[in-house]
């Protein structure tokens, strides 16, 4: 029997409701981490114009959410983006996307986990960041083996703590407004007017702050009525994320005691919270952000494990590796070997220099988004998505405008000689390596669908 044939593909259990898929997806996006980690970078670049950057990024997010929702409705598969691209654009593009996502997802878990030590240092200043991150990842992997419904509720509880922290930050700003919302955008210390071009460049960063809503598709094989439910989860995840991020960002810009102090602060959020509520509240909110980061590690690890599981089901690896990564826990019905494997890999990556990790992951999203936009256009043309139960409005405007926005983001990324340009080159290198792997495994690699009779 060849590697590409099996008696029956391993199956996950459909026990997750749409709400559970939404909770895990929102936890993977982690709006609080975006506000505390990514938003200060946008504010540092665009100043008060960051409000417009986040609004523009939200528009791009709407376009991409439409794209994701239609494709996920047609193919609500654990393989996510690569499974969709492989079925609409062809096997080689699908394999390239798979290679890129598998590398970057493992690294992203480590990058996020490294933030745990930063925010726990508000209480425990002597912590070793990489060690704390690695322990966090391993603990999340062990917990991730449990039933997906248990993980959904746990991530939901942690998500509530995260949202509460954002509500507090929003209240501190909106109850202490210092300046009008639509004043001329200024940035820097001392503040000076910023141009539309600068605001547009900051939009490229703001787009990444919203990313993750489409990852709900990886839960498609465990969600009931997935062809409809996953599309709803994606759209709701975007709406909630945009609100959860843009409101506190706006509140900080409106309610900061002094823009000069905010823009010149080493830690903008710490400056804002401490000046408005004191160091005690800053410590409490820092702990809440640490919880949010831990929650994000768990959620992203769950999703990445399912990606690895899908790759094994599709015979990407040699036979024994496929059997291992494709193993389903007899009690919890989860891909337990893949979950632990991802945990070990990401824990090891925690000890790599953070700047190197950022370079490796910086441009992957551009390629994945572009591939999905082309996939939805091709799917309508060649009929591979004709069976989708969700069809986007205003087609083909969303994917075309999203591609235009991605072209602009690529241009801005290429102008950055420190991280952006090297990141594009690394992304290209990963795609080349993936193409070589495709040539070696194309005879064994099969895009399999899950069995139609999965137990509820």
Protein backbone atom coordinates (compact mmCIF):
# COMPACT_ATOMS: atom_id res chain seq x y z
CA UNK A 1 0.00 0.00 0.00
CA UNK A 2 1.43 3.43 -0.93
CA UNK A 3 1.84 6.31 1.47
CA UNK A 4 -0.95 8.23 -0.24
CA UNK A 5 -3.63 5.65 0.47
CA UNK A 6 -5.18 4.74 3.79
CA UNK A 7 -8.16 2.62 4.81
CA UNK A 8 -9.97 5.65 6.22
CA UNK A 9 -8.78 9.19 6.95
CA UNK A 10 -8.57 10.12 10.64
CA UNK A 11 -11.60 12.07 11.81
CA UNK A 12 -12.29 14.84 14.27
CA UNK A 13 -15.59 15.11 16.14
CA UNK A 14 -18.19 17.77 15.41
CA UNK A 15 -18.97 18.92 18.92
CA UNK A 16 -18.24 22.64 18.70
CA UNK A 17 -20.95 25.26 18.34
CA UNK A 18 -20.46 28.45 16.34
CA UNK A 19 -20.05 30.39 19.60
CA UNK A 20 -17.20 28.12 20.64
CA UNK A 21 -15.46 28.61 17.29
CA UNK A 22 -15.92 32.36 17.66
CA UNK A 23 -14.42 32.39 21.18
CA UNK A 24 -11.32 30.48 20.09
CA UNK A 25 -10.93 32.70 17.02
CA UNK A 26 -11.20 35.92 19.03
CA UNK A 27 -8.72 34.55 21.54
CA UNK A 28 -6.27 33.85 18.71
CA UNK A 29 -6.69 37.42 17.43
CA UNK A 30 -6.23 38.69 21.02
CA UNK A 31 -7.49 42.30 20.64
CA UNK A 32 -5.88 43.36 23.94
CA UNK A 33 -2.44 42.25 22.80
CA UNK A 34 -2.93 44.17 19.56
CA UNK A 35 -3.91 47.31 21.47
CA UNK A 36 -0.98 47.06 23.88
CA UNK A 37 1.71 45.78 21.50
CA UNK A 38 0.85 46.70 17.89
CA UNK A 39 -1.21 49.89 18.36
CA UNK A 40 1.66 51.85 20.01
CA UNK A 41 3.67 51.26 16.83
CA UNK A 42 0.85 52.69 14.73
CA UNK A 43 0.48 55.65 17.11
CA UNK A 44 4.23 56.24 17.08
CA UNK A 45 4.10 56.50 13.31
CA UNK A 46 0.80 58.29 12.64
CA UNK A 47 0.13 59.97 16.01
CA UNK A 48 -3.50 60.98 16.38
CA UNK A 49 -3.92 59.97 12.73
CA UNK A 50 -3.77 56.37 13.97
CA UNK A 51 -7.55 56.59 14.32
CA UNK A 52 -7.82 56.94 10.55
CA UNK A 53 -5.23 54.18 10.04
CA UNK A 54 -7.31 51.76 12.09
CA UNK A 55 -10.51 52.78 10.30
CA UNK A 56 -8.89 52.22 6.89
CA UNK A 57 -7.52 48.88 8.07
CA UNK A 58 -11.04 47.96 9.16
CA UNK A 59 -12.29 48.55 5.61
CA UNK A 60 -9.59 46.23 4.25
CA UNK A 61 -10.58 43.76 6.96
CA UNK A 62 -14.19 43.80 5.72
CA UNK A 63 -13.02 42.95 2.20
CA UNK A 64 -10.87 40.07 3.44
CA UNK A 65 -13.58 38.81 5.79
CA UNK A 66 -15.95 38.53 2.81
CA UNK A 67 -13.26 36.58 0.95
CA UNK A 68 -12.59 34.28 3.90
CA UNK A 69 -16.29 33.71 4.59
CA UNK A 70 -17.13 32.63 1.04
CA UNK A 71 -14.12 30.34 0.74
CA UNK A 72 -14.65 28.86 4.22
CA UNK A 73 -18.30 28.21 3.39
CA UNK A 74 -17.18 26.18 0.39
CA UNK A 75 -14.35 24.40 2.18
CA UNK A 76 -14.68 24.46 6.01
CA UNK A 77 -11.62 22.26 6.39
CA UNK A 78 -9.01 21.92 9.10
CA UNK A 79 -6.29 22.65 6.55
CA UNK A 80 -7.59 26.20 6.32
CA UNK A 81 -5.97 28.41 3.73
CA UNK A 82 -3.82 25.78 2.07
CA UNK A 83 -6.76 23.38 1.68
CA UNK A 84 -8.78 26.16 0.04
CA UNK A 85 -6.02 27.41 -2.26
CA UNK A 86 -5.11 23.86 -3.30
CA UNK A 87 -8.71 23.18 -4.37
CA UNK A 88 -9.24 26.45 -6.22
CA UNK A 89 -5.88 27.56 -7.64
CA UNK A 90 -4.12 24.20 -7.89
CA UNK A 91 -1.93 21.79 -5.96
CA UNK A 92 1.36 23.71 -6.20
CA UNK A 93 -0.06 27.04 -4.91
CA UNK A 94 -1.79 25.12 -2.12
CA UNK A 95 1.45 23.41 -1.10
CA UNK A 96 3.34 26.73 -1.14
CA UNK A 97 0.75 28.34 1.11
CA UNK A 98 0.87 25.33 3.42
CA UNK A 99 4.65 25.53 3.79
CA UNK A 100 4.54 29.23 4.48
CA UNK A 101 1.76 29.00 7.08
CA UNK A 102 3.25 26.04 8.90
CA UNK A 103 6.57 27.82 9.40
CA UNK A 104 5.09 31.14 10.41
CA UNK A 105 2.39 29.74 12.72
CA UNK A 106 4.94 27.89 14.84
CA UNK A 107 7.01 31.07 15.09
CA UNK A 108 4.01 33.31 15.82
CA UNK A 109 3.16 31.18 18.87
CA UNK A 110 6.67 31.82 20.21
CA UNK A 111 6.56 35.54 19.39
CA UNK A 112 3.31 35.98 21.29
CA UNK A 113 4.46 33.82 24.20
CA UNK A 114 7.52 36.04 24.65
CA UNK A 115 5.13 38.81 25.67
CA UNK A 116 4.05 36.89 28.78
CA UNK A 117 7.27 37.65 30.63
CA UNK A 118 7.13 41.30 29.64
CA UNK A 119 3.77 41.88 31.30
CA UNK A 120 4.34 39.55 34.25
CA UNK A 121 7.47 41.57 35.01
CA UNK A 122 5.16 44.23 36.45
CA UNK A 123 4.83 41.87 39.43
CA UNK A 124 7.83 39.54 38.98
CA UNK A 125 10.68 41.67 37.57
CA UNK A 126 13.34 38.92 37.66
CA UNK A 127 11.61 36.53 35.24
CA UNK A 128 13.57 35.02 32.37
CA UNK A 129 11.52 35.89 29.29
CA UNK A 130 12.36 32.97 26.96
CA UNK A 131 12.01 30.40 29.77
CA UNK A 132 8.62 31.80 30.79
CA UNK A 133 7.53 31.77 27.15
CA UNK A 134 8.63 28.17 26.61
CA UNK A 135 6.90 26.98 29.79
CA UNK A 136 3.74 28.81 28.72
CA UNK A 137 3.77 27.11 25.31
CA UNK A 138 4.34 23.63 26.74
CA UNK A 139 1.59 24.09 29.33
CA UNK A 140 -0.79 25.32 26.61
CA UNK A 141 0.05 22.28 24.47
CA UNK A 142 -0.73 19.87 27.30
CA UNK A 143 -4.02 21.62 27.98
CA UNK A 144 -4.77 21.78 24.26
CA UNK A 145 -5.03 18.00 24.11
CA UNK A 146 -8.32 18.21 26.03
CA UNK A 147 -11.72 18.27 24.34
CA UNK A 148 -12.13 21.26 22.02
CA UNK A 149 -15.31 22.28 23.87
CA UNK A 150 -13.37 22.54 27.14
CA UNK A 151 -10.77 24.69 25.41
CA UNK A 152 -13.51 26.88 23.93
CA UNK A 153 -14.94 27.66 27.36
CA UNK A 154 -11.51 28.27 28.90
CA UNK A 155 -10.52 30.65 26.11
CA UNK A 156 -13.91 32.33 26.52
CA UNK A 157 -13.29 33.00 30.21
CA UNK A 158 -9.82 34.38 29.52
CA UNK A 159 -11.23 36.44 26.66
CA UNK A 160 -13.73 38.05 29.06
CA UNK A 161 -10.81 39.18 31.27
CA UNK A 162 -9.09 40.58 28.20
CA UNK A 163 -12.15 42.52 27.07
CA UNK A 164 -12.65 43.87 30.59
CA UNK A 165 -9.13 45.33 30.49
CA UNK A 166 -9.95 47.04 27.20
CA UNK A 167 -13.21 48.41 28.65
CA UNK A 168 -11.26 49.93 31.56
CA UNK A 169 -8.72 51.54 29.21
CA UNK A 170 -11.56 52.89 27.05
CA UNK A 171 -13.34 54.36 30.07
CA UNK A 172 -10.17 56.05 31.30
CA UNK A 173 -9.88 57.89 28.01
CA UNK A 174 -13.49 58.59 27.10
CA UNK A 175 -14.28 59.94 30.57
CA UNK A 176 -11.29 62.30 30.41
CA UNK A 177 -11.36 63.70 26.88
CA UNK A 178 -8.64 66.31 26.37
CA UNK A 179 -8.91 67.12 22.66
CA UNK A 180 -11.39 66.92 19.74
CA UNK A 181 -11.57 63.75 17.69
CA UNK A 182 -11.25 65.37 14.29
CA UNK A 183 -8.44 67.81 14.97
CA UNK A 184 -5.53 67.95 12.53
CA UNK A 185 -3.50 64.75 12.96
CA UNK A 186 -0.18 65.26 14.73
CA UNK A 187 2.66 62.95 15.72
CA UNK A 188 6.07 63.07 17.36
CA UNK A 189 7.51 64.79 20.40
CA UNK A 190 6.97 67.70 20.15
CA UNK A 191 3.81 66.98 18.11
CA UNK A 192 3.84 68.08 14.47
CA UNK A 193 1.37 67.64 11.62
CA UNK A 194 1.45 64.31 9.74
CA UNK A 195 0.61 63.73 6.09
CA UNK A 196 -1.92 61.40 4.53
CA UNK A 197 1.00 59.34 3.24
CA UNK A 198 2.24 58.69 6.77
CA UNK A 199 -1.25 57.71 7.90
CA UNK A 200 -1.49 55.38 4.91
CA UNK A 201 1.84 53.77 5.76
CA UNK A 202 0.64 53.19 9.33
CA UNK A 203 -2.45 51.51 7.89
CA UNK A 204 -0.18 48.71 6.67
CA UNK A 205 0.67 47.96 10.30
CA UNK A 206 -2.91 48.38 11.52
CA UNK A 207 -4.07 45.69 9.08
CA UNK A 208 -1.93 43.17 10.96
CA UNK A 209 -3.55 44.18 14.26
CA UNK A 210 -6.90 42.83 13.05
CA UNK A 211 -5.53 39.63 11.52
CA UNK A 212 -6.83 36.24 12.64
CA UNK A 213 -10.57 36.35 11.98
CA UNK A 214 -10.18 33.93 9.06
CA UNK A 215 -8.54 31.29 11.24
CA UNK A 216 -12.02 30.10 12.25
CA UNK A 217 -11.95 27.94 9.11
CA UNK A 218 -9.44 25.60 10.80
CA UNK A 219 -12.21 24.63 13.22
CA UNK A 220 -14.56 23.75 10.37
CA UNK A 221 -14.38 19.99 10.85
CA UNK A 222 -15.28 20.29 14.53
CA UNK A 223 -18.10 22.83 14.18
CA UNK A 224 -21.72 21.89 13.59
CA UNK A 225 -23.29 23.21 10.36
CA UNK A 226 -19.82 24.44 9.41
CA UNK A 227 -20.64 25.56 5.87
CA UNK A 228 -22.85 28.28 7.36
CA UNK A 229 -21.51 28.63 10.88
CA UNK A 230 -17.86 29.24 10.05
CA UNK A 231 -18.77 32.09 7.68
CA UNK A 232 -20.77 33.71 10.49
CA UNK A 233 -17.93 33.19 12.95
CA UNK A 234 -15.48 34.89 10.59
CA UNK A 235 -17.69 37.93 10.01
CA UNK A 236 -18.56 38.33 13.69
CA UNK A 237 -14.91 37.91 14.67
CA UNK A 238 -13.94 40.82 12.43
CA UNK A 239 -16.73 43.09 13.71
CA UNK A 240 -15.93 42.39 17.37
CA UNK A 241 -12.18 42.76 16.79
CA UNK A 242 -12.50 46.12 15.06
CA UNK A 243 -14.71 47.50 17.84
CA UNK A 244 -12.54 46.01 20.60
CA UNK A 245 -9.40 47.61 19.17
CA UNK A 246 -10.46 50.91 17.66
CA UNK A 247 -12.44 52.10 20.70
CA UNK A 248 -9.56 51.89 23.22
CA UNK A 249 -7.07 53.28 20.67
CA UNK A 250 -9.36 56.25 20.11
CA UNK A 251 -9.85 56.64 23.87
CA UNK A 252 -6.11 56.76 24.50
CA UNK A 253 -5.58 59.40 21.82
CA UNK A 254 -8.48 61.51 23.10
CA UNK A 255 -7.80 61.11 26.81
CA UNK A 256 -4.01 61.19 27.15
CA UNK A 257 -3.08 64.09 29.51
CA UNK A 258 -0.50 65.37 27.02
CA UNK A 259 0.27 64.21 23.51
CA UNK A 260 3.90 65.18 23.98
CA UNK A 261 4.12 62.83 26.96
CA UNK A 262 2.24 60.04 25.18
CA UNK A 263 4.31 60.14 21.99
CA UNK A 264 7.57 60.45 23.91
CA UNK A 265 6.86 57.63 26.37
CA UNK A 266 8.88 54.44 26.18
CA UNK A 267 5.67 52.51 26.93
CA UNK A 268 2.66 54.49 25.73
CA UNK A 269 0.01 52.35 27.39
CA UNK A 270 1.84 52.36 30.72
CA UNK A 271 2.11 56.16 30.53
CA UNK A 272 -1.58 56.52 29.76
CA UNK A 273 -2.88 54.13 32.44
CA UNK A 274 -0.51 55.34 35.15
CA UNK A 275 -1.24 59.00 34.49
CA UNK A 276 -5.00 58.43 34.52
CA UNK A 277 -5.44 55.73 37.17
CA UNK A 278 -2.13 55.19 38.99
CA UNK A 279 0.48 52.43 39.14
CA UNK A 280 -1.88 49.99 40.88
CA UNK A 281 -4.25 49.90 37.93
CA UNK A 282 -1.29 49.64 35.56
CA UNK A 283 -0.13 46.51 37.40
CA UNK A 284 -3.62 44.99 37.37
CA UNK A 285 -4.11 45.64 33.67
CA UNK A 286 -0.60 44.33 32.91
CA UNK A 287 -1.59 41.06 34.56
CA UNK A 288 -4.78 40.98 32.49
CA UNK A 289 -2.72 41.44 29.32
CA UNK A 290 -0.45 38.58 30.41
CA UNK A 291 -3.60 36.44 30.73
CA UNK A 292 -4.67 37.57 27.25
CA UNK A 293 -1.31 36.55 25.80
CA UNK A 294 -1.47 33.14 27.47
CA UNK A 295 -4.97 32.74 26.07
CA UNK A 296 -3.74 33.66 22.60
CA UNK A 297 -0.93 31.10 22.84
CA UNK A 298 -3.48 28.40 23.67
CA UNK A 299 -5.87 29.42 20.90
CA UNK A 300 -3.23 29.74 18.16
CA UNK A 301 -1.66 26.47 19.25
CA UNK A 302 -5.05 24.72 18.90
CA UNK A 303 -5.41 26.07 15.38
CA UNK A 304 -1.84 25.27 14.35
CA UNK A 305 -2.13 21.72 15.66
CA UNK A 306 -5.10 21.18 13.38
CA UNK A 307 -3.09 22.51 10.47
CA UNK A 308 -0.36 19.94 11.19
CA UNK A 309 -3.00 17.23 11.60
CA UNK A 310 -4.44 18.10 8.20
CA UNK A 311 -1.01 17.99 6.59
CA UNK A 312 -0.54 14.47 7.94
CA UNK A 313 -3.95 13.38 6.68
CA UNK A 314 -2.92 14.68 3.27
CA UNK A 315 0.32 12.64 3.41
CA UNK A 316 2.72 15.57 3.37
CA UNK A 317 5.25 13.69 5.51
CA UNK A 318 6.83 10.23 5.42
CA UNK A 319 4.51 7.42 6.53
CA UNK A 320 5.38 7.18 10.22
CA UNK A 321 5.24 10.95 10.70
CA UNK A 322 1.85 11.06 9.00
CA UNK A 323 0.52 8.35 11.30
CA UNK A 324 1.80 10.14 14.36
CA UNK A 325 0.62 13.66 13.53
CA UNK A 326 -2.68 12.26 12.28
CA UNK A 327 -3.44 10.42 15.54
CA UNK A 328 -6.73 11.28 17.26
CA UNK A 329 -7.03 11.01 21.05
CA UNK A 330 -9.48 8.17 21.82
CA UNK A 331 -11.22 10.11 24.60
CA UNK A 332 -10.96 13.78 23.69
CA UNK A 333 -11.14 13.34 19.89
CA UNK A 334 -8.37 15.90 19.37
CA UNK A 335 -5.15 15.70 17.30
CA UNK A 336 -3.09 15.13 20.42
CA UNK A 337 0.27 14.22 18.87
CA UNK A 338 0.11 17.20 16.52
CA UNK A 339 -0.79 19.45 19.47
CA UNK A 340 2.18 18.30 21.53
CA UNK A 341 4.50 18.44 18.51
CA UNK A 342 3.57 22.05 17.80
CA UNK A 343 4.10 22.86 21.48
CA UNK A 344 7.61 21.39 21.47
CA UNK A 345 8.59 23.17 18.24
CA UNK A 346 7.25 26.55 19.38
CA UNK A 347 8.84 26.19 22.82
CA UNK A 348 12.23 25.67 21.16
CA UNK A 349 11.70 28.73 18.95
CA UNK A 350 11.17 30.87 22.08
CA UNK A 351 14.96 30.91 22.54
CA UNK A 352 15.61 32.45 19.11
CA UNK A 353 16.26 36.21 18.93
CA UNK A 354 12.96 38.11 18.65
CA UNK A 355 14.18 40.35 15.81
CA UNK A 356 14.96 37.26 13.74
CA UNK A 357 11.47 35.87 14.39
CA UNK A 358 9.84 39.13 13.33
CA UNK A 359 11.76 39.11 10.07
CA UNK A 360 10.66 35.55 9.30
CA UNK A 361 6.96 36.20 9.96
CA UNK A 362 6.65 39.80 8.80
CA UNK A 363 5.49 39.31 5.20
CA UNK A 364 3.76 35.94 5.20
CA UNK A 365 0.32 37.47 5.68
CA UNK A 366 0.65 39.41 2.43
CA UNK A 367 1.17 36.22 0.43
CA UNK A 368 -1.63 34.32 2.18
CA UNK A 369 -4.16 37.16 1.77
CA UNK A 370 -3.23 37.60 -1.90
CA UNK A 371 -3.58 33.87 -2.54
CA UNK A 372 -7.05 33.86 -0.98
CA UNK A 373 -8.17 36.84 -3.06
CA UNK A 374 -7.03 35.05 -6.21
CA UNK A 375 -8.69 31.86 -4.94
CA UNK A 376 -12.10 33.45 -4.54
CA UNK A 377 -11.85 35.01 -8.01
CA UNK A 378 -10.78 31.68 -9.52
CA UNK A 379 -13.43 29.78 -7.56
CA UNK A 380 -16.21 31.88 -9.06
CA UNK A 381 -14.73 31.47 -12.53
CA UNK A 382 -13.98 27.73 -12.53
CA UNK A 383 -16.91 26.71 -10.33
CA UNK A 384 -14.89 25.17 -7.50
CA UNK A 385 -16.72 27.34 -4.95
CA UNK A 386 -20.15 27.17 -6.58
CA UNK A 387 -21.47 25.03 -3.73
CA UNK A 388 -20.66 27.65 -1.05
CA UNK A 389 -23.68 28.48 1.10
CA UNK A 390 -22.36 31.99 1.73
CA UNK A 391 -21.76 34.35 -1.19
CA UNK A 392 -20.16 37.73 -0.60
CA UNK A 393 -21.85 40.98 -1.53
CA UNK A 394 -20.52 43.29 -4.25
CA UNK A 395 -18.34 40.62 -5.87
CA UNK A 396 -15.69 41.09 -7.30
CA UNK A 397 -15.10 44.44 -5.59
CA UNK A 398 -13.86 43.10 -2.19
CA UNK A 399 -11.09 40.81 -3.50
CA UNK A 400 -9.96 43.30 -6.15
CA UNK A 401 -9.73 46.18 -3.68
CA UNK A 402 -8.05 43.91 -1.13
CA UNK A 403 -5.41 42.98 -3.74
CA UNK A 404 -4.82 46.68 -4.40
CA UNK A 405 -4.39 47.31 -0.68
CA UNK A 406 -1.99 44.37 -0.41
CA UNK A 407 0.05 45.82 -3.27
CA UNK A 408 0.35 49.05 -1.30
CA UNK A 409 1.33 47.15 1.86
CA UNK A 410 3.99 45.28 -0.10
CA UNK A 411 5.38 48.57 -1.40
CA UNK A 412 5.57 50.03 2.09
CA UNK A 413 7.13 46.84 3.43
CA UNK A 414 9.80 46.85 0.74
CA UNK A 415 10.76 50.41 1.72
CA UNK A 416 11.74 49.29 5.22
CA UNK A 417 15.39 48.12 5.06
CA UNK A 418 15.47 46.86 8.67
CA UNK A 419 12.58 44.38 8.87
CA UNK A 420 10.32 44.82 5.85
CA UNK A 421 12.70 44.13 2.96
CA UNK A 422 14.52 41.23 4.67
CA UNK A 423 11.12 39.80 5.60
CA UNK A 424 10.01 39.76 1.97
CA UNK A 425 13.22 37.97 1.01
CA UNK A 426 12.79 35.38 3.79
CA UNK A 427 9.18 34.80 2.72
CA UNK A 428 10.40 34.24 -0.84
CA UNK A 429 12.99 31.79 0.49
CA UNK A 430 10.34 29.81 2.38
CA UNK A 431 8.25 29.61 -0.78
CA UNK A 432 11.24 28.32 -2.75
CA UNK A 433 11.95 25.63 -0.15
CA UNK A 434 8.25 24.70 -0.15
CA UNK A 435 8.36 24.33 -3.93
CA UNK A 436 11.29 21.92 -3.64
CA UNK A 437 9.38 19.92 -1.00
CA UNK A 438 6.39 19.81 -3.34
CA UNK A 439 8.53 18.25 -6.07
CA UNK A 440 9.67 15.60 -3.59
CA UNK A 441 6.20 14.83 -2.17
CA UNK A 442 3.78 15.56 -5.00
CA UNK A 443 3.22 11.87 -5.78
CA UNK A 444 2.16 11.17 -2.18
CA UNK A 445 0.36 14.42 -1.35
CA UNK A 446 -3.43 14.08 -1.63
CA UNK A 447 -5.99 16.74 -0.72
CA UNK A 448 -8.39 14.62 1.30
CA UNK A 449 -11.85 15.56 2.53
CA UNK A 450 -13.03 14.42 5.97
CA UNK A 451 -15.57 11.60 6.06
CA UNK A 452 -19.14 12.80 5.64
CA UNK A 453 -20.42 10.64 8.50
CA UNK A 454 -18.49 12.22 11.34
CA UNK A 455 -20.14 11.66 14.69
CA UNK A 456 -21.79 14.57 16.40
